[in-house]
Amino acid sequence: MAINLIKGQRIDLKKLTGAALNDFCVGVNWGGIETKGGFLGLSKTVQDVDLDLSAALLDTQGALCDHIYSPLYKAEGLAQFGLPPGKLTAASGALRHTGDDRSGDSGGDDGLDNEIITVNLSKVPANVGQIIFFLNNCGGEDFSVIPYAKIRMFEGTPTVVKDVFASYNVAAEPQYRGKRALILGRLYRHGSEWKFAAIGDPTDDGFVGQTVVRIAKEYNHS
């Protein structure tokens, strides 16, 4: 049975059998914004929501050492924050992104993930101390009007979910009003093992570069 996480909760990456969870997917699912109108409100329109799932890899000293974010972000914008162009695969091949989804679910929650990062912990370099997953909204909306955003960790592939290990539901809440980015959670080393912590912190960041710099500054500890 999957673990339903709450903000601040930390868990071991171990299955019920006691075996370590080593190869898995981190997926995020979100919905388009529905608006009712017309006579008696019987018609419905769905506004696309373009969220980007990204990951920042910090070394054991807390410095940014690798990244995964969309190659579609303008290189000149990233350069203003001292960041390299985007890419979908970590240098070690330990993390791989499935690519951009620019709309979200248009017919309600379909139970599938819109963007996924596959993780192979055995390939993560020894100098990496933590991996932080986050979302940026590339549209004009904020998280208070997006119907849902959910992160989950599961065994399988981007197209086949075999077993959900843990999930963290981030519902639309007033605290997210005016916010454009969301720090979801982090994988971090604890001795020879890996753990996961649910974060769920909204930020004002309007651009991925701001979020990466924020993570390197504020989340650089275990």
C-alpha atoms as a PDB file:
ATOM      1  CA  MET A   1       0.000   0.000   0.000  1.00  0.00           C
ATOM      2  CA  ALA A   2       1.331   3.441  -0.943  1.00  0.00           C
ATOM      3  CA  ILE A   3       2.422   5.881   1.763  1.00  0.00           C
ATOM      4  CA  ASN A   4       0.316   9.061   1.757  1.00  0.00           C
ATOM      5  CA  LEU A   5       2.754  11.785   2.718  1.00  0.00           C
ATOM      6  CA  ILE A   6       2.102  15.021   4.571  1.00  0.00           C
ATOM      7  CA  LYS A   7       4.217  18.166   4.469  1.00  0.00           C
ATOM      8  CA  GLY A   8       7.473  17.730   6.364  1.00  0.00           C
ATOM      9  CA  GLN A   9       7.230  13.946   6.567  1.00  0.00           C
ATOM     10  CA  ARG A  10      10.385  11.912   5.963  1.00  0.00           C
ATOM     11  CA  ILE A  11      10.428   8.296   4.873  1.00  0.00           C
ATOM     12  CA  ASP A  12      12.948   5.540   4.218  1.00  0.00           C
ATOM     13  CA  LEU A  13      13.191   4.345   0.633  1.00  0.00           C
ATOM     14  CA  LYS A  14      12.488   0.735   1.531  1.00  0.00           C
ATOM     15  CA  LYS A  15       9.778  -1.626   0.362  1.00  0.00           C
ATOM     16  CA  LEU A  16       7.656  -3.723   2.695  1.00  0.00           C
ATOM     17  CA  THR A  17      10.113  -6.561   2.106  1.00  0.00           C
ATOM     18  CA  GLY A  18      12.915  -4.389   3.486  1.00  0.00           C
ATOM     19  CA  ALA A  19      14.640  -4.141   0.119  1.00  0.00           C
ATOM     20  CA  ALA A  20      15.875  -0.712  -0.923  1.00  0.00           C
ATOM     21  CA  LEU A  21      13.908   1.231  -3.528  1.00  0.00           C
ATOM     22  CA  ASN A  22      16.570   1.926  -6.120  1.00  0.00           C
ATOM     23  CA  ASP A  23      14.952   2.278  -9.569  1.00  0.00           C
ATOM     24  CA  PHE A  24      11.731   4.287  -9.635  1.00  0.00           C
ATOM     25  CA  CYS A  25       9.840   7.143 -11.231  1.00  0.00           C
ATOM     26  CA  VAL A  26       8.947  10.528  -9.748  1.00  0.00           C
ATOM     27  CA  GLY A  27       5.823  11.728 -11.515  1.00  0.00           C
ATOM     28  CA  VAL A  28       3.683  14.856 -11.244  1.00  0.00           C
ATOM     29  CA  ASN A  29       0.055  15.121 -12.297  1.00  0.00           C
ATOM     30  CA  TRP A  30      -2.001  18.328 -12.545  1.00  0.00           C
ATOM     31  CA  GLY A  31      -5.263  19.549 -13.999  1.00  0.00           C
ATOM     32  CA  GLY A  32      -6.329  22.252 -16.402  1.00  0.00           C
ATOM     33  CA  ILE A  33      -8.482  25.041 -14.972  1.00  0.00           C
ATOM     34  CA  GLU A  34     -12.196  24.467 -15.603  1.00  0.00           C
ATOM     35  CA  THR A  35     -14.573  27.412 -16.044  1.00  0.00           C
ATOM     36  CA  LYS A  36     -18.343  27.022 -16.346  1.00  0.00           C
ATOM     37  CA  GLY A  37     -20.439  29.411 -18.383  1.00  0.00           C
ATOM     38  CA  GLY A  38     -23.331  29.752 -20.791  1.00  0.00           C
ATOM     39  CA  PHE A  39     -26.959  29.133 -19.952  1.00  0.00           C
ATOM     40  CA  LEU A  40     -27.274  27.784 -16.382  1.00  0.00           C
ATOM     41  CA  GLY A  41     -23.548  27.206 -16.405  1.00  0.00           C
ATOM     42  CA  LEU A  42     -23.945  24.109 -18.535  1.00  0.00           C
ATOM     43  CA  SER A  43     -21.003  24.811 -20.822  1.00  0.00           C
ATOM     44  CA  LYS A  44     -17.429  24.302 -19.702  1.00  0.00           C
ATOM     45  CA  THR A  45     -14.078  25.510 -20.921  1.00  0.00           C
ATOM     46  CA  VAL A  46     -10.703  24.169 -19.815  1.00  0.00           C
ATOM     47  CA  GLN A  47      -7.665  26.424 -19.685  1.00  0.00           C
ATOM     48  CA  ASP A  48      -4.330  24.696 -20.310  1.00  0.00           C
ATOM     49  CA  VAL A  49      -1.803  24.819 -17.471  1.00  0.00           C
ATOM     50  CA  ASP A  50       1.865  24.498 -18.408  1.00  0.00           C
ATOM     51  CA  LEU A  51       3.852  23.294 -15.406  1.00  0.00           C
ATOM     52  CA  ASP A  52       7.452  22.134 -15.619  1.00  0.00           C
ATOM     53  CA  LEU A  53       8.826  19.402 -13.369  1.00  0.00           C
ATOM     54  CA  SER A  54      12.527  19.919 -12.692  1.00  0.00           C
ATOM     55  CA  ALA A  55      15.241  18.646 -10.387  1.00  0.00           C
ATOM     56  CA  ALA A  56      18.279  20.285  -8.792  1.00  0.00           C
ATOM     57  CA  LEU A  57      21.157  18.088  -7.650  1.00  0.00           C
ATOM     58  CA  LEU A  58      23.214  19.456  -4.756  1.00  0.00           C
ATOM     59  CA  ASP A  59      26.561  18.062  -3.686  1.00  0.00           C
ATOM     60  CA  THR A  60      27.381  17.018  -0.135  1.00  0.00           C
ATOM     61  CA  GLN A  61      28.481  20.597   0.605  1.00  0.00           C
ATOM     62  CA  GLY A  62      25.126  21.996  -0.582  1.00  0.00           C
ATOM     63  CA  ALA A  63      26.325  23.465  -3.894  1.00  0.00           C
ATOM     64  CA  LEU A  64      24.469  22.945  -7.164  1.00  0.00           C
ATOM     65  CA  CYS A  65      26.321  20.281  -9.163  1.00  0.00           C
ATOM     66  CA  ASP A  66      23.795  19.167 -11.808  1.00  0.00           C
ATOM     67  CA  HIS A  67      20.267  19.870 -12.981  1.00  0.00           C
ATOM     68  CA  ILE A  68      17.295  18.764 -15.018  1.00  0.00           C
ATOM     69  CA  TYR A  69      15.025  21.475 -16.421  1.00  0.00           C
ATOM     70  CA  SER A  70      13.473  22.115 -19.799  1.00  0.00           C
ATOM     71  CA  PRO A  71      15.785  22.867 -22.752  1.00  0.00           C
ATOM     72  CA  LEU A  72      13.052  25.249 -23.932  1.00  0.00           C
ATOM     73  CA  TYR A  73      13.982  27.862 -21.327  1.00  0.00           C
ATOM     74  CA  LYS A  74      15.914  30.712 -22.941  1.00  0.00           C
ATOM     75  CA  ALA A  75      19.652  30.314 -22.432  1.00  0.00           C
ATOM     76  CA  GLU A  76      20.142  34.063 -22.016  1.00  0.00           C
ATOM     77  CA  GLY A  77      17.591  34.135 -19.195  1.00  0.00           C
ATOM     78  CA  LEU A  78      19.315  31.270 -17.394  1.00  0.00           C
ATOM     79  CA  ALA A  79      22.715  32.908 -17.895  1.00  0.00           C
ATOM     80  CA  GLN A  80      21.528  35.904 -15.866  1.00  0.00           C
ATOM     81  CA  PHE A  81      21.384  33.549 -12.883  1.00  0.00           C
ATOM     82  CA  GLY A  82      24.709  31.914 -13.699  1.00  0.00           C
ATOM     83  CA  LEU A  83      22.986  28.749 -14.890  1.00  0.00           C
ATOM     84  CA  PRO A  84      23.653  26.555 -17.938  1.00  0.00           C
ATOM     85  CA  PRO A  85      21.061  25.690 -20.616  1.00  0.00           C
ATOM     86  CA  GLY A  86      18.373  23.150 -19.763  1.00  0.00           C
ATOM     87  CA  LYS A  87      18.626  19.417 -20.387  1.00  0.00           C
ATOM     88  CA  LEU A  88      16.477  16.346 -19.776  1.00  0.00           C
ATOM     89  CA  THR A  89      19.159  13.913 -18.582  1.00  0.00           C
ATOM     90  CA  ALA A  90      21.559  14.218 -15.656  1.00  0.00           C
ATOM     91  CA  ALA A  91      25.258  14.020 -16.492  1.00  0.00           C
ATOM     92  CA  SER A  92      25.511  10.577 -14.871  1.00  0.00           C
ATOM     93  CA  GLY A  93      22.358   9.277 -16.557  1.00  0.00           C
ATOM     94  CA  ALA A  94      20.856   8.655 -13.105  1.00  0.00           C
ATOM     95  CA  LEU A  95      17.863  10.925 -13.800  1.00  0.00           C
ATOM     96  CA  ARG A  96      15.919  11.232 -17.055  1.00  0.00           C
ATOM     97  CA  HIS A  97      12.954  13.489 -17.827  1.00  0.00           C
ATOM     98  CA  THR A  98      10.138  12.424 -20.161  1.00  0.00           C
ATOM     99  CA  GLY A  99       9.675  15.921 -21.632  1.00  0.00           C
ATOM    100  CA  ASP A 100       7.243  18.823 -21.447  1.00  0.00           C
ATOM    101  CA  ASP A 101       3.479  18.591 -20.982  1.00  0.00           C
ATOM    102  CA  ARG A 102       2.014  22.025 -21.756  1.00  0.00           C
ATOM    103  CA  SER A 103      -1.633  21.531 -20.865  1.00  0.00           C
ATOM    104  CA  GLY A 104      -2.326  19.259 -17.863  1.00  0.00           C
ATOM    105  CA  ASP A 105      -5.414  17.053 -17.614  1.00  0.00           C
ATOM    106  CA  SER A 106      -8.296  18.518 -19.603  1.00  0.00           C
ATOM    107  CA  GLY A 107     -11.066  16.134 -18.534  1.00  0.00           C
ATOM    108  CA  GLY A 108     -10.438  15.746 -14.826  1.00  0.00           C
ATOM    109  CA  ASP A 109      -7.836  13.652 -13.061  1.00  0.00           C
ATOM    110  CA  ASP A 110      -6.961  10.745 -15.362  1.00  0.00           C
ATOM    111  CA  GLY A 111      -4.701   9.110 -12.783  1.00  0.00           C
ATOM    112  CA  LEU A 112      -1.659   9.401 -15.046  1.00  0.00           C
ATOM    113  CA  ASP A 113       1.377  11.600 -14.580  1.00  0.00           C
ATOM    114  CA  ASN A 114       1.914  14.544 -16.923  1.00  0.00           C
ATOM    115  CA  GLU A 115       5.681  14.732 -16.455  1.00  0.00           C
ATOM    116  CA  ILE A 116       8.013  12.088 -15.050  1.00  0.00           C
ATOM    117  CA  ILE A 117      11.637  11.881 -13.996  1.00  0.00           C
ATOM    118  CA  THR A 118      13.060   8.369 -13.804  1.00  0.00           C
ATOM    119  CA  VAL A 119      15.612   7.784 -11.048  1.00  0.00           C
ATOM    120  CA  ASN A 120      18.343   5.159 -10.695  1.00  0.00           C
ATOM    121  CA  LEU A 121      19.995   5.769  -7.336  1.00  0.00           C
ATOM    122  CA  SER A 122      22.839   3.356  -8.082  1.00  0.00           C
ATOM    123  CA  LYS A 123      24.017   5.758 -10.808  1.00  0.00           C
ATOM    124  CA  VAL A 124      23.914   8.896  -8.654  1.00  0.00           C
ATOM    125  CA  PRO A 125      27.515  10.099  -8.150  1.00  0.00           C
ATOM    126  CA  ALA A 126      28.905   9.869  -4.628  1.00  0.00           C
ATOM    127  CA  ASN A 127      29.316  13.648  -4.429  1.00  0.00           C
ATOM    128  CA  VAL A 128      25.542  14.223  -4.766  1.00  0.00           C
ATOM    129  CA  GLY A 129      23.979  14.714  -1.340  1.00  0.00           C
ATOM    130  CA  GLN A 130      20.392  15.512  -2.297  1.00  0.00           C
ATOM    131  CA  ILE A 131      18.033  15.835  -5.229  1.00  0.00           C
ATOM    132  CA  ILE A 132      15.228  18.389  -4.993  1.00  0.00           C
ATOM    133  CA  PHE A 133      12.150  18.235  -7.220  1.00  0.00           C
ATOM    134  CA  PHE A 134      10.166  21.371  -8.028  1.00  0.00           C
ATOM    135  CA  LEU A 135       7.488  22.828 -10.307  1.00  0.00           C
ATOM    136  CA  ASN A 136       7.401  26.106 -12.200  1.00  0.00           C
ATOM    137  CA  ASN A 137       4.287  27.539 -13.817  1.00  0.00           C
ATOM    138  CA  CYS A 138       5.066  28.869 -17.288  1.00  0.00           C
ATOM    139  CA  GLY A 139       1.623  30.487 -17.692  1.00  0.00           C
ATOM    140  CA  GLY A 140      -0.063  33.374 -15.904  1.00  0.00           C
ATOM    141  CA  GLU A 141      -1.868  31.277 -13.295  1.00  0.00           C
ATOM    142  CA  ASP A 142      -0.873  30.640  -9.695  1.00  0.00           C
ATOM    143  CA  PHE A 143      -1.225  27.450  -7.713  1.00  0.00           C
ATOM    144  CA  SER A 144      -4.322  28.654  -5.845  1.00  0.00           C
ATOM    145  CA  VAL A 145      -6.445  28.188  -8.989  1.00  0.00           C
ATOM    146  CA  ILE A 146      -4.920  24.976 -10.338  1.00  0.00           C
ATOM    147  CA  PRO A 147      -7.277  22.177  -9.237  1.00  0.00           C
ATOM    148  CA  TYR A 148      -4.574  19.769  -8.098  1.00  0.00           C
ATOM    149  CA  ALA A 149      -0.890  18.972  -8.273  1.00  0.00           C
ATOM    150  CA  LYS A 150       0.305  15.580  -7.095  1.00  0.00           C
ATOM    151  CA  ILE A 151       3.740  14.028  -6.850  1.00  0.00           C
ATOM    152  CA  ARG A 152       4.235  10.290  -6.475  1.00  0.00           C
ATOM    153  CA  MET A 153       7.043   7.764  -6.503  1.00  0.00           C
ATOM    154  CA  PHE A 154       6.410   4.469  -8.212  1.00  0.00           C
ATOM    155  CA  GLU A 155       8.133   1.413  -9.623  1.00  0.00           C
ATOM    156  CA  GLY A 156       7.689   0.830 -13.313  1.00  0.00           C
ATOM    157  CA  THR A 157       8.264   2.943 -16.379  1.00  0.00           C
ATOM    158  CA  PRO A 158       6.868   6.291 -17.593  1.00  0.00           C
ATOM    159  CA  THR A 159       4.099   4.347 -19.371  1.00  0.00           C
ATOM    160  CA  VAL A 160       3.505   1.470 -16.933  1.00  0.00           C
ATOM    161  CA  VAL A 161       2.887   1.953 -13.212  1.00  0.00           C
ATOM    162  CA  LYS A 162       3.669  -1.286 -11.364  1.00  0.00           C
ATOM    163  CA  ASP A 163       3.582  -0.254  -7.716  1.00  0.00           C
ATOM    164  CA  VAL A 164       3.116   3.186  -6.137  1.00  0.00           C
ATOM    165  CA  PHE A 165       5.512   3.590  -3.218  1.00  0.00           C
ATOM    166  CA  ALA A 166       4.492   7.026  -1.919  1.00  0.00           C
ATOM    167  CA  SER A 167       2.295   9.944  -2.967  1.00  0.00           C
ATOM    168  CA  TYR A 168       1.997  13.554  -1.867  1.00  0.00           C
ATOM    169  CA  ASN A 169      -1.143  15.483  -2.823  1.00  0.00           C
ATOM    170  CA  VAL A 170      -0.786  19.238  -2.983  1.00  0.00           C
ATOM    171  CA  ALA A 171      -4.321  20.647  -3.103  1.00  0.00           C
ATOM    172  CA  ALA A 172      -5.194  24.201  -4.144  1.00  0.00           C
ATOM    173  CA  GLU A 173      -4.959  26.253  -0.927  1.00  0.00           C
ATOM    174  CA  PRO A 174      -5.172  29.986  -0.103  1.00  0.00           C
ATOM    175  CA  GLN A 175      -1.487  30.013   0.901  1.00  0.00           C
ATOM    176  CA  TYR A 176      -0.622  29.408  -2.757  1.00  0.00           C
ATOM    177  CA  ARG A 177      -2.366  32.549  -3.992  1.00  0.00           C
ATOM    178  CA  GLY A 178      -0.024  34.615  -6.138  1.00  0.00           C
ATOM    179  CA  LYS A 179       2.612  31.882  -6.127  1.00  0.00           C
ATOM    180  CA  ARG A 180       4.181  30.644  -9.334  1.00  0.00           C
ATOM    181  CA  ALA A 181       6.493  27.841  -8.219  1.00  0.00           C
ATOM    182  CA  LEU A 182       6.390  24.943  -5.788  1.00  0.00           C
ATOM    183  CA  ILE A 183       9.232  23.070  -4.090  1.00  0.00           C
ATOM    184  CA  LEU A 184       7.805  19.541  -4.005  1.00  0.00           C
ATOM    185  CA  GLY A 185      10.214  17.287  -2.124  1.00  0.00           C
ATOM    186  CA  ARG A 186      13.721  15.948  -1.929  1.00  0.00           C
ATOM    187  CA  LEU A 187      15.743  12.778  -1.957  1.00  0.00           C
ATOM    188  CA  TYR A 188      18.707  12.964   0.404  1.00  0.00           C
ATOM    189  CA  ARG A 189      21.471  10.738   1.675  1.00  0.00           C
ATOM    190  CA  HIS A 190      21.351   9.571   5.278  1.00  0.00           C
ATOM    191  CA  GLY A 191      24.544   7.651   5.843  1.00  0.00           C
ATOM    192  CA  SER A 192      24.609   4.872   3.266  1.00  0.00           C
ATOM    193  CA  GLU A 193      20.846   5.082   2.621  1.00  0.00           C
ATOM    194  CA  TRP A 194      18.498   7.416   0.779  1.00  0.00           C
ATOM    195  CA  LYS A 195      15.408   9.030   2.281  1.00  0.00           C
ATOM    196  CA  PHE A 196      12.633  11.230   0.902  1.00  0.00           C
ATOM    197  CA  ALA A 197      11.099  14.334   2.492  1.00  0.00           C
ATOM    198  CA  ALA A 198       7.858  16.017   1.403  1.00  0.00           C
ATOM    199  CA  ILE A 199       8.284  19.804   1.261  1.00  0.00           C
ATOM    200  CA  GLY A 200       5.380  21.585  -0.470  1.00  0.00           C
ATOM    201  CA  ASP A 201       6.741  25.146  -0.184  1.00  0.00           C
ATOM    202  CA  PRO A 202       5.242  27.715  -2.608  1.00  0.00           C
ATOM    203  CA  THR A 203       7.406  30.579  -3.885  1.00  0.00           C
ATOM    204  CA  ASP A 204       7.005  33.797  -5.867  1.00  0.00           C
ATOM    205  CA  ASP A 205       9.459  32.706  -8.560  1.00  0.00           C
ATOM    206  CA  GLY A 206       8.333  33.568 -12.068  1.00  0.00           C
ATOM    207  CA  PHE A 207      11.293  31.876 -13.739  1.00  0.00           C
ATOM    208  CA  VAL A 208      13.075  28.560 -13.221  1.00  0.00           C
ATOM    209  CA  GLY A 209      16.417  30.327 -12.699  1.00  0.00           C
ATOM    210  CA  GLN A 210      15.079  32.039  -9.582  1.00  0.00           C
ATOM    211  CA  THR A 211      13.911  28.708  -8.184  1.00  0.00           C
ATOM    212  CA  VAL A 212      17.218  26.931  -8.783  1.00  0.00           C
ATOM    213  CA  VAL A 213      19.144  29.755  -7.086  1.00  0.00           C
ATOM    214  CA  ARG A 214      16.650  29.691  -4.182  1.00  0.00           C
ATOM    215  CA  ILE A 215      17.104  25.935  -3.755  1.00  0.00           C
ATOM    216  CA  ALA A 216      20.895  26.201  -3.714  1.00  0.00           C
ATOM    217  CA  LYS A 217      20.646  28.965  -1.094  1.00  0.00           C
ATOM    218  CA  GLU A 218      17.816  27.824   1.172  1.00  0.00           C
ATOM    219  CA  TYR A 219      17.640  24.021   0.835  1.00  0.00           C
ATOM    220  CA  ASN A 220      21.326  23.192   0.951  1.00  0.00           C
ATOM    221  CA  HIS A 221      21.177  21.113   4.129  1.00  0.00           C
ATOM    222  CA  SER A 222      20.010  17.572   4.920  1.00  0.00           C
END
